[in-house]
Protein backbone atom coordinates (compact mmCIF):
# COMPACT_ATOMS: atom_id res chain seq x y z
CA MET A 1 135.22 -30.88 -36.20
CA SER A 2 131.60 -31.99 -36.07
CA GLU A 3 129.31 -33.98 -38.28
CA ALA A 4 126.14 -31.87 -37.71
CA ILE A 5 125.46 -28.19 -37.58
CA ASP A 6 123.40 -28.65 -34.30
CA LYS A 7 126.51 -30.08 -32.62
CA LEU A 8 128.72 -27.11 -33.41
CA THR A 9 129.46 -25.25 -30.25
CA VAL A 10 131.82 -22.79 -28.63
CA ASN A 11 131.65 -24.73 -25.33
CA TYR A 12 135.26 -25.34 -24.18
CA GLU A 13 136.22 -27.40 -21.21
CA GLU A 14 139.60 -27.49 -19.47
CA ASP A 15 140.56 -29.71 -16.52
CA GLY A 16 136.81 -30.52 -15.95
CA VAL A 17 135.79 -26.89 -15.86
CA LEU A 18 133.60 -25.35 -18.59
CA MET A 19 135.74 -22.34 -19.50
CA VAL A 20 133.40 -21.05 -22.27
CA LYS A 21 129.80 -21.71 -21.84
CA GLU A 22 127.50 -21.34 -24.79
CA THR A 23 124.29 -19.44 -23.91
CA GLY A 24 122.87 -18.87 -27.35
CA LYS A 25 123.24 -19.98 -30.96
CA GLU A 26 121.71 -18.73 -34.22
CA ILE A 27 122.49 -20.33 -37.57
CA LEU A 28 122.82 -17.52 -40.06
CA SER A 29 123.50 -19.61 -43.09
CA LYS A 30 123.78 -23.38 -43.99
CA GLY A 31 125.31 -25.20 -46.79
CA ALA A 32 128.95 -25.88 -47.85
CA TRP A 33 129.81 -22.75 -45.83
CA THR A 34 127.87 -22.42 -42.60
CA THR A 35 127.82 -19.13 -40.54
CA ILE A 36 126.73 -19.20 -36.90
CA LEU A 37 126.39 -16.39 -34.32
CA PHE A 38 127.16 -17.59 -30.77
CA ARG A 39 126.52 -15.99 -27.42
CA TYR A 40 128.70 -17.21 -24.55
CA LEU A 41 130.18 -16.68 -21.02
CA ASN A 42 133.85 -16.95 -20.12
CA TRP A 43 134.76 -18.53 -16.77
CA ASP A 44 136.73 -16.26 -14.54
CA LYS A 45 139.28 -18.48 -12.78
CA LYS A 46 140.22 -15.88 -10.11
CA ASN A 47 136.69 -15.17 -8.99
CA GLU A 48 135.26 -18.58 -9.89
CA VAL A 49 132.18 -17.19 -11.64
CA TYR A 50 131.13 -16.64 -15.27
CA GLY A 51 131.99 -13.17 -16.40
CA LYS A 52 130.39 -10.92 -18.96
CA GLU A 53 128.80 -12.25 -22.05
CA GLY A 54 130.58 -12.42 -25.38
CA PHE A 55 129.48 -12.93 -28.93
CA ALA A 56 131.34 -14.56 -31.85
CA ILE A 57 130.53 -15.15 -35.50
CA ARG A 58 132.12 -18.37 -36.81
CA ARG A 59 132.36 -19.78 -40.32
CA TYR A 60 132.60 -23.48 -41.03
CA GLN A 61 133.35 -25.25 -44.32
CA LYS A 62 131.87 -28.67 -44.85
CA ARG A 63 134.49 -31.17 -45.86
CA GLY A 64 133.14 -34.64 -46.54
CA ASP A 65 130.86 -35.29 -43.63
CA ASP A 66 132.53 -32.83 -41.18
CA TYR A 67 132.34 -29.09 -40.59
CA VAL A 68 135.74 -27.51 -40.15
CA LEU A 69 136.16 -24.06 -38.43
CA LYS A 70 137.65 -21.66 -41.03
CA SER A 71 137.27 -18.24 -39.42
CA LYS A 72 135.97 -16.43 -36.43
CA PHE A 73 135.27 -12.96 -35.28
CA THR A 74 134.80 -12.14 -31.56
CA ILE A 75 132.65 -9.15 -30.74
CA SER A 76 134.49 -7.86 -27.67
CA SER A 77 131.62 -6.14 -25.76
CA ARG A 78 127.93 -5.22 -25.69
CA ASP A 79 129.10 -1.68 -26.77
CA GLN A 80 130.78 -3.02 -29.80
CA ALA A 81 127.75 -5.23 -30.57
CA ARG A 82 125.56 -2.22 -30.36
CA LYS A 83 127.71 -0.21 -32.74
CA ILE A 84 127.71 -3.02 -35.30
CA ILE A 85 123.83 -3.24 -35.04
CA ASP A 86 123.55 0.47 -35.52
CA ILE A 87 125.81 0.54 -38.51
CA LEU A 88 124.04 -2.42 -40.19
CA GLU A 89 120.53 -0.91 -39.54
CA GLY A 90 121.79 2.41 -41.08
CA TRP A 91 123.10 0.57 -44.13
CA MET A 92 119.85 -1.51 -44.44
CA ARG A 93 117.77 1.82 -44.42
CA GLU A 94 119.88 3.24 -47.31
CA GLU A 95 118.38 0.50 -49.61
């Protein structure tokens, strides 16, 4: 939980190693329900380097003074991200 939108992150540390490293963050909506798009890298334990980038959309609900993670969707690859972009752009042109 976090008290401020700016402090919400996907960074995750385990045994002193940053396993998930946030490399980008865009706030899509604010309010009682906040939606954030994150860009990140996962640590590859075997090769001891950060692997391919990932993307996640997370929804937080404000409860009192804190934001609580309520749902998340992980975009599994750049290819999947491009497909989502293409579909959304097509739908937007329909209007």
